[in-house]
Amino acid sequence: MKNYLISAPEVVELMGVSESMAYRIIKKCNEELAKKGYITSEVKPQRLIYWKEWQ
């Protein structure tokens, strides 16, 4: 099964940022998802939204 959520350690690895910055990025992604009516996980946003917003 594919994992559709992205974790802070993955954000650190992909973007080369600190862990605290990774959590801030995840928080921002989750806020954007919530505005669009999505149900979010507190620590793992959907991978697709991460790619659209941060790549």
Protein backbone atom coordinates (compact mmCIF):
# COMPACT_ATOMS: atom_id res chain seq x y z
CA MET A 1 0.00 0.00 0.00
CA LYS A 2 1.30 3.44 -0.90
CA ASN A 3 1.83 5.92 1.89
CA TYR A 4 -0.03 9.11 1.03
CA LEU A 5 1.18 11.01 4.09
CA ILE A 6 4.57 12.64 4.56
CA SER A 7 6.39 12.78 7.89
CA ALA A 8 8.76 15.34 9.38
CA PRO A 9 11.84 13.13 8.89
CA GLU A 10 10.95 12.83 5.20
CA VAL A 11 10.59 16.61 4.90
CA VAL A 12 14.01 17.02 6.57
CA GLU A 13 15.56 14.60 4.09
CA LEU A 14 13.86 16.07 1.01
CA MET A 15 14.31 19.75 1.80
CA GLY A 16 17.46 19.75 3.92
CA VAL A 17 15.81 21.73 6.74
CA SER A 18 15.87 21.27 10.50
CA GLU A 19 13.31 19.08 12.21
CA SER A 20 11.59 22.08 13.80
CA MET A 21 11.30 23.74 10.38
CA ALA A 22 9.88 20.51 8.97
CA TYR A 23 7.13 20.59 11.59
CA ARG A 24 6.37 24.22 10.73
CA ILE A 25 6.07 23.26 7.06
CA ILE A 26 3.75 20.39 7.98
CA LYS A 27 1.64 22.73 10.11
CA LYS A 28 1.33 25.14 7.17
CA CYS A 29 0.33 22.30 4.82
CA ASN A 30 -2.29 21.12 7.30
CA GLU A 31 -3.70 24.65 7.62
CA GLU A 32 -4.02 24.86 3.84
CA LEU A 33 -5.75 21.47 3.72
CA ALA A 34 -8.16 22.45 6.50
CA LYS A 35 -9.10 25.63 4.60
CA LYS A 36 -10.03 23.43 1.66
CA GLY A 37 -12.21 21.22 3.86
CA TYR A 38 -9.89 18.23 4.23
CA ILE A 39 -9.56 16.27 7.44
CA THR A 40 -5.90 16.41 8.46
CA SER A 41 -3.49 14.43 10.58
CA GLU A 42 -1.73 16.59 13.14
CA VAL A 43 1.76 15.49 12.08
CA LYS A 44 1.44 14.16 8.52
CA PRO A 45 -0.06 16.14 5.64
CA GLN A 46 -0.99 14.50 2.38
CA ARG A 47 2.06 13.98 0.20
CA LEU A 48 0.37 15.49 -2.87
CA ILE A 49 -0.31 18.80 -1.11
CA TYR A 50 3.29 18.92 0.12
CA TRP A 51 4.59 18.53 -3.43
CA LYS A 52 2.26 21.16 -4.87
CA GLU A 53 3.03 23.75 -2.18
CA TRP A 54 6.73 23.25 -1.51
CA GLN A 55 8.37 21.92 -4.66
